[in-house]
Amino acid sequence: MPDIFVITEACIDVKDASCVEVCPVDCIHTTADDRVCYIDPAGCIGCNLCLPACPVGAIFTEPTLPQALTHWAPINAEWFDDPASARGRINAQAS
């Protein structure tokens, strides 16, 4: 099973989308209503192409998430079930 990738706070209001462009399975998503991009944990194949593509270093594998950023893993996954809730949690983080 591949590592789960997580986009973290460095992406807030940046949304460069370089990661979206290099993803071979189109598992990185965002909308105009979002402040970050999200990686679908069910669709990611763990190819690592998004890591060097991110200009702000916002992407980590779940096992390498710094302790202060571990809360981003559930936020990232939540967006695929409840985008409004995930957006609310991110807005609270950025305040």
PDB file of N, CA and C in Angstrom:
ATOM      1  N   MET A   1       0.846  -1.173   0.000  1.00  0.00           N
ATOM      2  CA  MET A   1       0.000   0.000   0.000  1.00  0.00           C
ATOM      3  C   MET A   1       0.904   1.253   0.000  1.00  0.00           C
ATOM      4  N   PRO A   2       0.628   2.197  -0.896  1.00  0.00           N
ATOM      5  CA  PRO A   2       1.480   3.401  -0.952  1.00  0.00           C
ATOM      6  C   PRO A   2       1.221   4.319   0.242  1.00  0.00           C
ATOM      7  N   ASP A   3       2.211   5.159   0.515  1.00  0.00           N
ATOM      8  CA  ASP A   3       2.035   6.164   1.558  1.00  0.00           C
ATOM      9  C   ASP A   3       0.896   7.103   1.181  1.00  0.00           C
ATOM     10  N   ILE A   4       0.222   7.614   2.185  1.00  0.00           N
ATOM     11  CA  ILE A   4      -0.806   8.633   1.979  1.00  0.00           C
ATOM     12  C   ILE A   4      -0.108   9.988   1.995  1.00  0.00           C
ATOM     13  N   PHE A   5      -0.409  10.812   1.006  1.00  0.00           N
ATOM     14  CA  PHE A   5       0.175  12.140   0.916  1.00  0.00           C
ATOM     15  C   PHE A   5      -0.818  13.164   1.441  1.00  0.00           C
ATOM     16  N   VAL A   6      -0.294  14.207   2.074  1.00  0.00           N
ATOM     17  CA  VAL A   6      -1.114  15.219   2.726  1.00  0.00           C
ATOM     18  C   VAL A   6      -0.599  16.607   2.339  1.00  0.00           C
ATOM     19  N   ILE A   7      -1.511  17.492   1.983  1.00  0.00           N
ATOM     20  CA  ILE A   7      -1.155  18.888   1.723  1.00  0.00           C
ATOM     21  C   ILE A   7      -1.444  19.674   2.996  1.00  0.00           C
ATOM     22  N   THR A   8      -0.490  20.490   3.413  1.00  0.00           N
ATOM     23  CA  THR A   8      -0.567  21.178   4.704  1.00  0.00           C
ATOM     24  C   THR A   8      -0.649  22.693   4.550  1.00  0.00           C
ATOM     25  N   GLU A   9      -0.520  23.378   5.671  1.00  0.00           N
ATOM     26  CA  GLU A   9      -0.794  24.810   5.782  1.00  0.00           C
ATOM     27  C   GLU A   9       0.015  25.719   4.867  1.00  0.00           C
ATOM     28  N   ALA A  10       1.176  25.318   4.416  1.00  0.00           N
ATOM     29  CA  ALA A  10       1.954  26.178   3.522  1.00  0.00           C
ATOM     30  C   ALA A  10       1.213  26.445   2.213  1.00  0.00           C
ATOM     31  N   CYS A  11       0.222  25.628   1.895  1.00  0.00           N
ATOM     32  CA  CYS A  11      -0.563  25.790   0.667  1.00  0.00           C
ATOM     33  C   CYS A  11      -1.671  26.841   0.817  1.00  0.00           C
ATOM     34  N   ILE A  12      -2.017  27.207   2.040  1.00  0.00           N
ATOM     35  CA  ILE A  12      -3.137  28.134   2.251  1.00  0.00           C
ATOM     36  C   ILE A  12      -2.917  29.411   1.455  1.00  0.00           C
ATOM     37  N   ASP A  13      -3.901  29.705   0.637  1.00  0.00           N
ATOM     38  CA  ASP A  13      -3.956  30.904  -0.209  1.00  0.00           C
ATOM     39  C   ASP A  13      -2.848  30.966  -1.262  1.00  0.00           C
ATOM     40  N   VAL A  14      -2.114  29.869  -1.454  1.00  0.00           N
ATOM     41  CA  VAL A  14      -1.108  29.801  -2.516  1.00  0.00           C
ATOM     42  C   VAL A  14      -1.706  29.061  -3.709  1.00  0.00           C
ATOM     43  N   LYS A  15      -2.171  27.833  -3.475  1.00  0.00           N
ATOM     44  CA  LYS A  15      -2.801  27.002  -4.500  1.00  0.00           C
ATOM     45  C   LYS A  15      -2.105  27.134  -5.856  1.00  0.00           C
ATOM     46  N   ASP A  16      -0.806  26.958  -5.874  1.00  0.00           N
ATOM     47  CA  ASP A  16      -0.008  27.048  -7.097  1.00  0.00           C
ATOM     48  C   ASP A  16      -0.471  26.056  -8.159  1.00  0.00           C
ATOM     49  N   ALA A  17      -0.937  24.902  -7.753  1.00  0.00           N
ATOM     50  CA  ALA A  17      -1.466  23.837  -8.607  1.00  0.00           C
ATOM     51  C   ALA A  17      -0.415  23.136  -9.465  1.00  0.00           C
ATOM     52  N   SER A  18       0.860  23.367  -9.216  1.00  0.00           N
ATOM     53  CA  SER A  18       1.889  22.599  -9.921  1.00  0.00           C
ATOM     54  C   SER A  18       1.731  21.115  -9.614  1.00  0.00           C
ATOM     55  N   CYS A  19       1.310  20.807  -8.405  1.00  0.00           N
ATOM     56  CA  CYS A  19       1.103  19.415  -8.015  1.00  0.00           C
ATOM     57  C   CYS A  19      -0.024  18.780  -8.824  1.00  0.00           C
ATOM     58  N   VAL A  20      -1.062  19.557  -9.098  1.00  0.00           N
ATOM     59  CA  VAL A  20      -2.192  19.061  -9.884  1.00  0.00           C
ATOM     60  C   VAL A  20      -1.717  18.688 -11.282  1.00  0.00           C
ATOM     61  N   GLU A  21      -0.892  19.522 -11.858  1.00  0.00           N
ATOM     62  CA  GLU A  21      -0.415  19.322 -13.223  1.00  0.00           C
ATOM     63  C   GLU A  21       0.430  18.067 -13.385  1.00  0.00           C
ATOM     64  N   VAL A  22       1.203  17.685 -12.366  1.00  0.00           N
ATOM     65  CA  VAL A  22       2.087  16.526 -12.498  1.00  0.00           C
ATOM     66  C   VAL A  22       1.462  15.213 -12.041  1.00  0.00           C
ATOM     67  N   CYS A  23       0.324  15.264 -11.391  1.00  0.00           N
ATOM     68  CA  CYS A  23      -0.296  14.045 -10.856  1.00  0.00           C
ATOM     69  C   CYS A  23      -0.808  13.162 -12.000  1.00  0.00           C
ATOM     70  N   PRO A  24      -0.258  11.949 -12.130  1.00  0.00           N
ATOM     71  CA  PRO A  24      -0.671  11.090 -13.244  1.00  0.00           C
ATOM     72  C   PRO A  24      -2.049  10.452 -13.077  1.00  0.00           C
ATOM     73  N   VAL A  25      -2.603  10.495 -11.870  1.00  0.00           N
ATOM     74  CA  VAL A  25      -3.910   9.868 -11.636  1.00  0.00           C
ATOM     75  C   VAL A  25      -4.987  10.886 -11.256  1.00  0.00           C
ATOM     76  N   ASP A  26      -4.688  12.156 -11.403  1.00  0.00           N
ATOM     77  CA  ASP A  26      -5.656  13.235 -11.132  1.00  0.00           C
ATOM     78  C   ASP A  26      -6.328  13.091  -9.770  1.00  0.00           C
ATOM     79  N   CYS A  27      -5.523  12.872  -8.740  1.00  0.00           N
ATOM     80  CA  CYS A  27      -6.102  12.718  -7.403  1.00  0.00           C
ATOM     81  C   CYS A  27      -5.939  13.968  -6.544  1.00  0.00           C
ATOM     82  N   ILE A  28      -5.417  15.059  -7.111  1.00  0.00           N
ATOM     83  CA  ILE A  28      -5.272  16.306  -6.362  1.00  0.00           C
ATOM     84  C   ILE A  28      -6.340  17.270  -6.860  1.00  0.00           C
ATOM     85  N   HIS A  29      -7.141  17.766  -5.906  1.00  0.00           N
ATOM     86  CA  HIS A  29      -8.311  18.556  -6.271  1.00  0.00           C
ATOM     87  C   HIS A  29      -8.369  19.873  -5.499  1.00  0.00           C
ATOM     88  N   THR A  30      -9.076  20.822  -6.083  1.00  0.00           N
ATOM     89  CA  THR A  30      -9.387  22.086  -5.437  1.00  0.00           C
ATOM     90  C   THR A  30     -10.505  22.742  -6.227  1.00  0.00           C
ATOM     91  N   THR A  31     -11.182  23.677  -5.602  1.00  0.00           N
ATOM     92  CA  THR A  31     -12.208  24.460  -6.291  1.00  0.00           C
ATOM     93  C   THR A  31     -11.958  25.927  -5.976  1.00  0.00           C
ATOM     94  N   ALA A  32     -12.705  26.784  -6.597  1.00  0.00           N
ATOM     95  CA  ALA A  32     -12.578  28.220  -6.342  1.00  0.00           C
ATOM     96  C   ALA A  32     -12.902  28.558  -4.885  1.00  0.00           C
ATOM     97  N   ASP A  33     -13.696  27.723  -4.228  1.00  0.00           N
ATOM     98  CA  ASP A  33     -14.079  27.958  -2.833  1.00  0.00           C
ATOM     99  C   ASP A  33     -13.022  27.521  -1.828  1.00  0.00           C
ATOM    100  N   ASP A  34     -11.990  26.836  -2.304  1.00  0.00           N
ATOM    101  CA  ASP A  34     -10.978  26.282  -1.407  1.00  0.00           C
ATOM    102  C   ASP A  34      -9.759  27.176  -1.302  1.00  0.00           C
ATOM    103  N   ARG A  35      -9.102  27.108  -0.160  1.00  0.00           N
ATOM    104  CA  ARG A  35      -7.877  27.873   0.077  1.00  0.00           C
ATOM    105  C   ARG A  35      -6.629  27.030  -0.102  1.00  0.00           C
ATOM    106  N   VAL A  36      -6.810  25.710  -0.246  1.00  0.00           N
ATOM    107  CA  VAL A  36      -5.702  24.782  -0.464  1.00  0.00           C
ATOM    108  C   VAL A  36      -6.130  23.733  -1.483  1.00  0.00           C
ATOM    109  N   CYS A  37      -5.170  22.931  -1.920  1.00  0.00           N
ATOM    110  CA  CYS A  37      -5.441  21.744  -2.732  1.00  0.00           C
ATOM    111  C   CYS A  37      -5.533  20.549  -1.784  1.00  0.00           C
ATOM    112  N   TYR A  38      -6.185  19.494  -2.243  1.00  0.00           N
ATOM    113  CA  TYR A  38      -6.365  18.285  -1.429  1.00  0.00           C
ATOM    114  C   TYR A  38      -5.988  17.062  -2.230  1.00  0.00           C
ATOM    115  N   ILE A  39      -5.330  16.108  -1.592  1.00  0.00           N
ATOM    116  CA  ILE A  39      -4.965  14.847  -2.241  1.00  0.00           C
ATOM    117  C   ILE A  39      -5.937  13.767  -1.776  1.00  0.00           C
ATOM    118  N   ASP A  40      -6.577  13.119  -2.738  1.00  0.00           N
ATOM    119  CA  ASP A  40      -7.515  12.046  -2.437  1.00  0.00           C
ATOM    120  C   ASP A  40      -6.737  10.834  -1.929  1.00  0.00           C
ATOM    121  N   PRO A  41      -6.873  10.487  -0.658  1.00  0.00           N
ATOM    122  CA  PRO A  41      -6.098   9.370  -0.116  1.00  0.00           C
ATOM    123  C   PRO A  41      -6.468   8.032  -0.761  1.00  0.00           C
ATOM    124  N   ALA A  42      -7.666   7.931  -1.319  1.00  0.00           N
ATOM    125  CA  ALA A  42      -8.081   6.685  -1.967  1.00  0.00           C
ATOM    126  C   ALA A  42      -7.556   6.580  -3.394  1.00  0.00           C
ATOM    127  N   GLY A  43      -7.214   7.694  -4.002  1.00  0.00           N
ATOM    128  CA  GLY A  43      -6.774   7.677  -5.387  1.00  0.00           C
ATOM    129  C   GLY A  43      -5.279   7.801  -5.594  1.00  0.00           C
ATOM    130  N   CYS A  44      -4.570   8.277  -4.581  1.00  0.00           N
ATOM    131  CA  CYS A  44      -3.128   8.505  -4.704  1.00  0.00           C
ATOM    132  C   CYS A  44      -2.389   7.184  -4.841  1.00  0.00           C
ATOM    133  N   ILE A  45      -1.463   7.122  -5.802  1.00  0.00           N
ATOM    134  CA  ILE A  45      -0.679   5.904  -6.012  1.00  0.00           C
ATOM    135  C   ILE A  45       0.721   6.000  -5.396  1.00  0.00           C
ATOM    136  N   GLY A  46       1.018   7.113  -4.727  1.00  0.00           N
ATOM    137  CA  GLY A  46       2.302   7.258  -4.051  1.00  0.00           C
ATOM    138  C   GLY A  46       3.485   7.444  -4.984  1.00  0.00           C
ATOM    139  N   CYS A  47       3.261   8.076  -6.123  1.00  0.00           N
ATOM    140  CA  CYS A  47       4.331   8.210  -7.113  1.00  0.00           C
ATOM    141  C   CYS A  47       5.371   9.268  -6.737  1.00  0.00           C
ATOM    142  N   ASN A  48       5.066  10.127  -5.784  1.00  0.00           N
ATOM    143  CA  ASN A  48       5.973  11.169  -5.286  1.00  0.00           C
ATOM    144  C   ASN A  48       6.174  12.352  -6.231  1.00  0.00           C
ATOM    145  N   LEU A  49       5.516  12.397  -7.376  1.00  0.00           N
ATOM    146  CA  LEU A  49       5.736  13.494  -8.326  1.00  0.00           C
ATOM    147  C   LEU A  49       5.283  14.842  -7.767  1.00  0.00           C
ATOM    148  N   CYS A  50       4.326  14.834  -6.875  1.00  0.00           N
ATOM    149  CA  CYS A  50       3.816  16.090  -6.315  1.00  0.00           C
ATOM    150  C   CYS A  50       4.809  16.750  -5.359  1.00  0.00           C
ATOM    151  N   LEU A  51       5.632  15.953  -4.692  1.00  0.00           N
ATOM    152  CA  LEU A  51       6.553  16.507  -3.688  1.00  0.00           C
ATOM    153  C   LEU A  51       7.488  17.563  -4.272  1.00  0.00           C
ATOM    154  N   PRO A  52       8.255  17.259  -5.309  1.00  0.00           N
ATOM    155  CA  PRO A  52       9.145  18.292  -5.845  1.00  0.00           C
ATOM    156  C   PRO A  52       8.410  19.375  -6.631  1.00  0.00           C
ATOM    157  N   ALA A  53       7.187  19.098  -7.052  1.00  0.00           N
ATOM    158  CA  ALA A  53       6.426  20.091  -7.821  1.00  0.00           C
ATOM    159  C   ALA A  53       5.882  21.215  -6.951  1.00  0.00           C
ATOM    160  N   CYS A  54       5.716  20.968  -5.667  1.00  0.00           N
ATOM    161  CA  CYS A  54       5.144  21.974  -4.771  1.00  0.00           C
ATOM    162  C   CYS A  54       6.183  23.049  -4.461  1.00  0.00           C
ATOM    163  N   PRO A  55       5.909  24.300  -4.853  1.00  0.00           N
ATOM    164  CA  PRO A  55       6.901  25.356  -4.644  1.00  0.00           C
ATOM    165  C   PRO A  55       7.037  25.818  -3.200  1.00  0.00           C
ATOM    166  N   VAL A  56       6.102  25.424  -2.336  1.00  0.00           N
ATOM    167  CA  VAL A  56       6.148  25.885  -0.948  1.00  0.00           C
ATOM    168  C   VAL A  56       6.386  24.752   0.053  1.00  0.00           C
ATOM    169  N   GLY A  57       6.653  23.541  -0.431  1.00  0.00           N
ATOM    170  CA  GLY A  57       6.940  22.426   0.466  1.00  0.00           C
ATOM    171  C   GLY A  57       5.780  22.042   1.359  1.00  0.00           C
ATOM    172  N   ALA A  58       4.563  22.122   0.829  1.00  0.00           N
ATOM    173  CA  ALA A  58       3.371  21.855   1.630  1.00  0.00           C
ATOM    174  C   ALA A  58       2.968  20.390   1.667  1.00  0.00           C
ATOM    175  N   ILE A  59       3.601  19.544   0.864  1.00  0.00           N
ATOM    176  CA  ILE A  59       3.178  18.149   0.749  1.00  0.00           C
ATOM    177  C   ILE A  59       4.145  17.228   1.498  1.00  0.00           C
ATOM    178  N   PHE A  60       3.550  16.329   2.273  1.00  0.00           N
ATOM    179  CA  PHE A  60       4.308  15.341   3.037  1.00  0.00           C
ATOM    180  C   PHE A  60       3.635  13.985   2.890  1.00  0.00           C
ATOM    181  N   THR A  61       4.404  12.922   3.093  1.00  0.00           N
ATOM    182  CA  THR A  61       3.765  11.630   3.285  1.00  0.00           C
ATOM    183  C   THR A  61       3.282  11.622   4.732  1.00  0.00           C
ATOM    184  N   GLU A  62       2.221  10.889   4.985  1.00  0.00           N
ATOM    185  CA  GLU A  62       1.679  10.885   6.345  1.00  0.00           C
ATOM    186  C   GLU A  62       2.721  10.476   7.387  1.00  0.00           C
ATOM    187  N   PRO A  63       3.567   9.471   7.120  1.00  0.00           N
ATOM    188  CA  PRO A  63       4.570   9.109   8.136  1.00  0.00           C
ATOM    189  C   PRO A  63       5.623  10.194   8.389  1.00  0.00           C
ATOM    190  N   THR A  64       5.816  11.113   7.436  1.00  0.00           N
ATOM    191  CA  THR A  64       6.838  12.142   7.615  1.00  0.00           C
ATOM    192  C   THR A  64       6.264  13.497   8.018  1.00  0.00           C
ATOM    193  N   LEU A  65       4.965  13.559   8.284  1.00  0.00           N
ATOM    194  CA  LEU A  65       4.373  14.823   8.716  1.00  0.00           C
ATOM    195  C   LEU A  65       5.015  15.281  10.018  1.00  0.00           C
ATOM    196  N   PRO A  66       5.492  16.527  10.071  1.00  0.00           N
ATOM    197  CA  PRO A  66       5.976  17.037  11.356  1.00  0.00           C
ATOM    198  C   PRO A  66       4.846  16.986  12.387  1.00  0.00           C
ATOM    199  N   GLN A  67       5.186  16.756  13.621  1.00  0.00           N
ATOM    200  CA  GLN A  67       4.179  16.626  14.690  1.00  0.00           C
ATOM    201  C   GLN A  67       3.179  17.775  14.681  1.00  0.00           C
ATOM    202  N   ALA A  68       3.646  18.986  14.445  1.00  0.00           N
ATOM    203  CA  ALA A  68       2.759  20.156  14.460  1.00  0.00           C
ATOM    204  C   ALA A  68       1.770  20.184  13.289  1.00  0.00           C
ATOM    205  N   LEU A  69       1.966  19.301  12.310  1.00  0.00           N
ATOM    206  CA  LEU A  69       1.092  19.297  11.132  1.00  0.00           C
ATOM    207  C   LEU A  69       0.251  18.029  10.997  1.00  0.00           C
ATOM    208  N   THR A  70       0.302  17.137  11.972  1.00  0.00           N
ATOM    209  CA  THR A  70      -0.420  15.866  11.846  1.00  0.00           C
ATOM    210  C   THR A  70      -1.936  16.056  11.739  1.00  0.00           C
ATOM    211  N   HIS A  71      -2.460  17.153  12.253  1.00  0.00           N
ATOM    212  CA  HIS A  71      -3.904  17.405  12.169  1.00  0.00           C
ATOM    213  C   HIS A  71      -4.368  17.667  10.739  1.00  0.00           C
ATOM    214  N   TRP A  72      -3.436  17.867   9.807  1.00  0.00           N
ATOM    215  CA  TRP A  72      -3.800  18.096   8.412  1.00  0.00           C
ATOM    216  C   TRP A  72      -4.230  16.818   7.706  1.00  0.00           C
ATOM    217  N   ALA A  73      -3.791  15.664   8.138  1.00  0.00           N
ATOM    218  CA  ALA A  73      -4.183  14.414   7.486  1.00  0.00           C
ATOM    219  C   ALA A  73      -5.702  14.211   7.528  1.00  0.00           C
ATOM    220  N   PRO A  74      -6.348  14.337   8.682  1.00  0.00           N
ATOM    221  CA  PRO A  74      -7.803  14.164   8.678  1.00  0.00           C
ATOM    222  C   PRO A  74      -8.541  15.291   7.952  1.00  0.00           C
ATOM    223  N   ILE A  75      -8.004  16.502   7.982  1.00  0.00           N
ATOM    224  CA  ILE A  75      -8.641  17.598   7.247  1.00  0.00           C
ATOM    225  C   ILE A  75      -8.606  17.299   5.751  1.00  0.00           C
ATOM    226  N   ASN A  76      -7.445  16.854   5.277  1.00  0.00           N
ATOM    227  CA  ASN A  76      -7.289  16.525   3.860  1.00  0.00           C
ATOM    228  C   ASN A  76      -8.289  15.447   3.437  1.00  0.00           C
ATOM    229  N   ALA A  77      -8.385  14.376   4.198  1.00  0.00           N
ATOM    230  CA  ALA A  77      -9.299  13.278   3.869  1.00  0.00           C
ATOM    231  C   ALA A  77     -10.757  13.707   3.983  1.00  0.00           C
ATOM    232  N   GLU A  78     -11.061  14.556   4.950  1.00  0.00           N
ATOM    233  CA  GLU A  78     -12.435  14.995   5.183  1.00  0.00           C
ATOM    234  C   GLU A  78     -13.024  15.724   3.973  1.00  0.00           C
ATOM    235  N   TRP A  79     -12.184  16.462   3.250  1.00  0.00           N
ATOM    236  CA  TRP A  79     -12.673  17.251   2.111  1.00  0.00           C
ATOM    237  C   TRP A  79     -13.410  16.383   1.094  1.00  0.00           C
ATOM    238  N   PHE A  80     -13.029  15.136   0.970  1.00  0.00           N
ATOM    239  CA  PHE A  80     -13.650  14.256  -0.014  1.00  0.00           C
ATOM    240  C   PHE A  80     -15.008  13.734   0.434  1.00  0.00           C
ATOM    241  N   ASP A  81     -15.343  13.873   1.715  1.00  0.00           N
ATOM    242  CA  ASP A  81     -16.652  13.490   2.237  1.00  0.00           C
ATOM    243  C   ASP A  81     -17.500  14.702   2.607  1.00  0.00           C
ATOM    244  N   ASP A  82     -16.862  15.763   3.102  1.00  0.00           N
ATOM    245  CA  ASP A  82     -17.577  16.939   3.587  1.00  0.00           C
ATOM    246  C   ASP A  82     -16.736  18.195   3.334  1.00  0.00           C
ATOM    247  N   PRO A  83     -16.731  18.686   2.089  1.00  0.00           N
ATOM    248  CA  PRO A  83     -15.883  19.834   1.762  1.00  0.00           C
ATOM    249  C   PRO A  83     -16.133  21.067   2.634  1.00  0.00           C
ATOM    250  N   ALA A  84     -17.374  21.334   2.971  1.00  0.00           N
ATOM    251  CA  ALA A  84     -17.681  22.516   3.782  1.00  0.00           C
ATOM    252  C   ALA A  84     -17.027  22.427   5.160  1.00  0.00           C
ATOM    253  N   SER A  85     -17.055  21.264   5.755  1.00  0.00           N
ATOM    254  CA  SER A  85     -16.436  21.080   7.064  1.00  0.00           C
ATOM    255  C   SER A  85     -14.921  21.255   6.974  1.00  0.00           C
ATOM    256  N   ALA A  86     -14.305  20.660   5.952  1.00  0.00           N
ATOM    257  CA  ALA A  86     -12.854  20.805   5.774  1.00  0.00           C
ATOM    258  C   ALA A  86     -12.480  22.268   5.557  1.00  0.00           C
ATOM    259  N   ARG A  87     -13.264  22.983   4.748  1.00  0.00           N
ATOM    260  CA  ARG A  87     -12.998  24.412   4.523  1.00  0.00           C
ATOM    261  C   ARG A  87     -13.096  25.192   5.823  1.00  0.00           C
ATOM    262  N   GLY A  88     -14.093  24.867   6.643  1.00  0.00           N
ATOM    263  CA  GLY A  88     -14.247  25.538   7.932  1.00  0.00           C
ATOM    264  C   GLY A  88     -13.056  25.303   8.842  1.00  0.00           C
ATOM    265  N   ARG A  89     -12.565  24.094   8.858  1.00  0.00           N
ATOM    266  CA  ARG A  89     -11.396  23.779   9.696  1.00  0.00           C
ATOM    267  C   ARG A  89     -10.157  24.526   9.208  1.00  0.00           C
ATOM    268  N   ILE A  90     -10.000  24.644   7.898  1.00  0.00           N
ATOM    269  CA  ILE A  90      -8.859  25.367   7.352  1.00  0.00           C
ATOM    270  C   ILE A  90      -8.996  26.855   7.635  1.00  0.00           C
ATOM    271  N   ASN A  91     -10.180  27.390   7.502  1.00  0.00           N
ATOM    272  CA  ASN A  91     -10.374  28.810   7.819  1.00  0.00           C
ATOM    273  C   ASN A  91     -10.061  29.093   9.285  1.00  0.00           C
ATOM    274  N   ALA A  92     -10.407  28.163  10.161  1.00  0.00           N
ATOM    275  CA  ALA A  92     -10.096  28.319  11.581  1.00  0.00           C
ATOM    276  C   ALA A  92      -8.577  28.288  11.806  1.00  0.00           C
ATOM    277  N   GLN A  93      -7.863  27.434  11.054  1.00  0.00           N
ATOM    278  CA  GLN A  93      -6.409  27.330  11.158  1.00  0.00           C
ATOM    279  C   GLN A  93      -5.738  28.632  10.730  1.00  0.00           C
ATOM    280  N   ALA A  94      -6.270  29.220   9.673  1.00  0.00           N
ATOM    281  CA  ALA A  94      -5.633  30.397   9.069  1.00  0.00           C
ATOM    282  C   ALA A  94      -5.954  31.681   9.811  1.00  0.00           C
ATOM    283  N   SER A  95      -6.863  31.612  10.734  1.00  0.00           N
ATOM    284  CA  SER A  95      -7.248  32.838  11.477  1.00  0.00           C
ATOM    285  C   SER A  95      -6.249  33.212  12.534  1.00  0.00           C
TER     286      SER A  95
END
